[in-house]
Amino acid sequence: MDATVPLDIDITFQSATASSGDVEWDVLATLVPTAGGTLGSLTEASASVVKTVTAANTVFMANVDLSVDGLFPGALLVIKVTRDAQAGNTEDTYADGVNLMFVECRGTKWKV
């Protein structure tokens, strides 16, 4: 994969109720080398995206670009997607739950 081009990540989710507000998604990518590694020494990249929810039982898509330095053939890339709905987070104002449907990640292949 060409690590000079960010990963394009789509997060598809469904709203639970008719209330409106913003949903914040956090994306964390960790690069695990083939030789292994220890906690705290692995390459990590993170990004957040906020999507406004306006209707019940509606499918929404949030998109985020994420740059991961040091990606090379044979490396394992782990991607974690979480919703930051903790009390006090002013970015996530949607009071109800959402259903995470799927996450799609696209990268750019090295040109030979």
Protein backbone atom coordinates (compact mmCIF):
# COMPACT_ATOMS: atom_id res chain seq x y z
CA MET A 1 0.00 0.00 0.00
CA ASP A 2 1.12 3.54 -0.71
CA ALA A 3 1.47 5.14 2.75
CA THR A 4 1.89 8.61 1.23
CA VAL A 5 -1.85 8.63 0.44
CA PRO A 6 -4.26 8.65 3.43
CA LEU A 7 -6.63 5.76 4.03
CA ASP A 8 -10.22 6.64 3.12
CA ILE A 9 -12.56 5.27 5.82
CA ASP A 10 -16.36 5.25 5.57
CA ILE A 11 -18.40 4.60 8.74
CA THR A 12 -22.00 3.59 8.03
CA PHE A 13 -24.47 3.69 10.90
CA GLN A 14 -28.19 3.90 11.64
CA SER A 15 -29.94 6.27 14.02
CA ALA A 16 -32.20 4.80 16.69
CA THR A 17 -34.75 7.57 17.28
CA ALA A 18 -36.14 10.72 15.69
CA SER A 19 -34.13 13.04 17.93
CA SER A 20 -31.42 15.05 16.23
CA GLY A 21 -27.85 15.83 17.19
CA ASP A 22 -24.24 15.11 16.35
CA VAL A 23 -22.49 11.73 16.55
CA GLU A 24 -18.70 11.70 16.98
CA TRP A 25 -16.69 8.74 15.73
CA ASP A 26 -13.05 8.19 16.71
CA VAL A 27 -10.81 6.10 14.46
CA LEU A 28 -7.50 4.66 15.65
CA ALA A 29 -5.13 2.73 13.40
CA THR A 30 -2.19 0.79 14.79
CA LEU A 31 0.59 -0.60 12.64
CA VAL A 32 1.92 -3.92 13.93
CA PRO A 33 5.21 -4.97 12.30
CA THR A 34 5.70 -8.59 11.28
CA ALA A 35 8.36 -8.98 13.99
CA GLY A 36 5.84 -7.95 16.65
CA GLY A 37 6.15 -5.04 19.02
CA THR A 38 5.45 -3.87 22.51
CA LEU A 39 2.78 -1.54 23.81
CA GLY A 40 3.83 2.07 23.49
CA SER A 41 6.27 1.34 20.67
CA LEU A 42 3.78 0.75 17.86
CA THR A 43 2.97 3.37 15.22
CA GLU A 44 -0.51 4.82 15.77
CA ALA A 45 -2.63 7.35 13.92
CA SER A 46 -6.00 8.75 14.94
CA ALA A 47 -8.75 10.98 13.60
CA SER A 48 -12.29 11.99 14.52
CA VAL A 49 -15.36 12.82 12.47
CA VAL A 50 -18.70 14.33 13.52
CA LYS A 51 -21.90 13.57 11.60
CA THR A 52 -25.29 15.23 12.19
CA VAL A 53 -28.24 12.85 12.72
CA THR A 54 -31.64 14.20 11.70
CA ALA A 55 -34.17 11.33 11.56
CA ALA A 56 -35.03 7.93 13.06
CA ASN A 57 -34.09 4.62 11.44
CA THR A 58 -32.04 6.41 8.81
CA VAL A 59 -28.68 5.28 7.47
CA PHE A 60 -25.87 7.84 7.64
CA MET A 61 -22.29 7.73 6.42
CA ALA A 62 -19.35 9.55 7.97
CA ASN A 63 -16.03 9.76 6.15
CA VAL A 64 -12.55 10.33 7.55
CA ASP A 65 -9.09 10.32 5.99
CA LEU A 66 -6.33 8.79 8.08
CA SER A 67 -2.60 8.91 7.35
CA VAL A 68 -0.56 5.95 8.60
CA ASP A 69 3.21 6.42 8.38
CA GLY A 70 5.51 3.43 7.99
CA LEU A 71 3.02 1.08 6.34
CA PHE A 72 4.83 -1.59 4.31
CA PRO A 73 4.00 -4.92 2.63
CA GLY A 74 3.39 -7.66 5.16
CA ALA A 75 2.57 -5.31 8.05
CA LEU A 76 -0.65 -5.79 9.97
CA LEU A 77 -2.87 -2.73 10.25
CA VAL A 78 -5.47 -2.80 13.03
CA ILE A 79 -8.32 -0.25 12.82
CA LYS A 80 -10.57 0.54 15.78
CA VAL A 81 -13.76 2.63 15.43
CA THR A 82 -15.54 3.91 18.55
CA ARG A 83 -18.25 6.43 19.33
CA ASP A 84 -17.26 9.07 21.85
CA ALA A 85 -20.63 9.57 23.59
CA GLN A 86 -19.22 10.19 27.05
CA ALA A 87 -20.92 12.78 29.25
CA GLY A 88 -19.26 16.14 28.82
CA ASN A 89 -18.23 15.59 25.19
CA THR A 90 -19.60 18.69 23.46
CA GLU A 91 -18.94 17.22 20.00
CA ASP A 92 -21.39 14.28 20.46
CA THR A 93 -24.85 15.68 21.21
CA TYR A 94 -27.08 12.82 19.96
CA ALA A 95 -28.70 11.49 23.14
CA ASP A 96 -29.69 8.05 21.83
CA GLY A 97 -27.88 4.99 20.58
CA VAL A 98 -26.77 4.27 17.03
CA ASN A 99 -26.22 0.98 15.24
CA LEU A 100 -22.81 0.64 13.61
CA MET A 101 -23.54 -1.19 10.37
CA PHE A 102 -20.15 -1.47 8.71
CA VAL A 103 -16.79 0.20 8.18
CA GLU A 104 -15.10 0.34 4.78
CA CYS A 105 -11.44 1.21 4.39
CA ARG A 106 -9.77 2.01 1.08
CA GLY A 107 -6.11 2.56 0.36
CA THR A 108 -3.94 3.25 -2.66
CA LYS A 109 -1.88 0.44 -4.10
CA TRP A 110 1.77 1.00 -4.94
CA LYS A 111 2.26 1.57 -8.64
CA VAL A 112 4.82 -0.71 -10.26
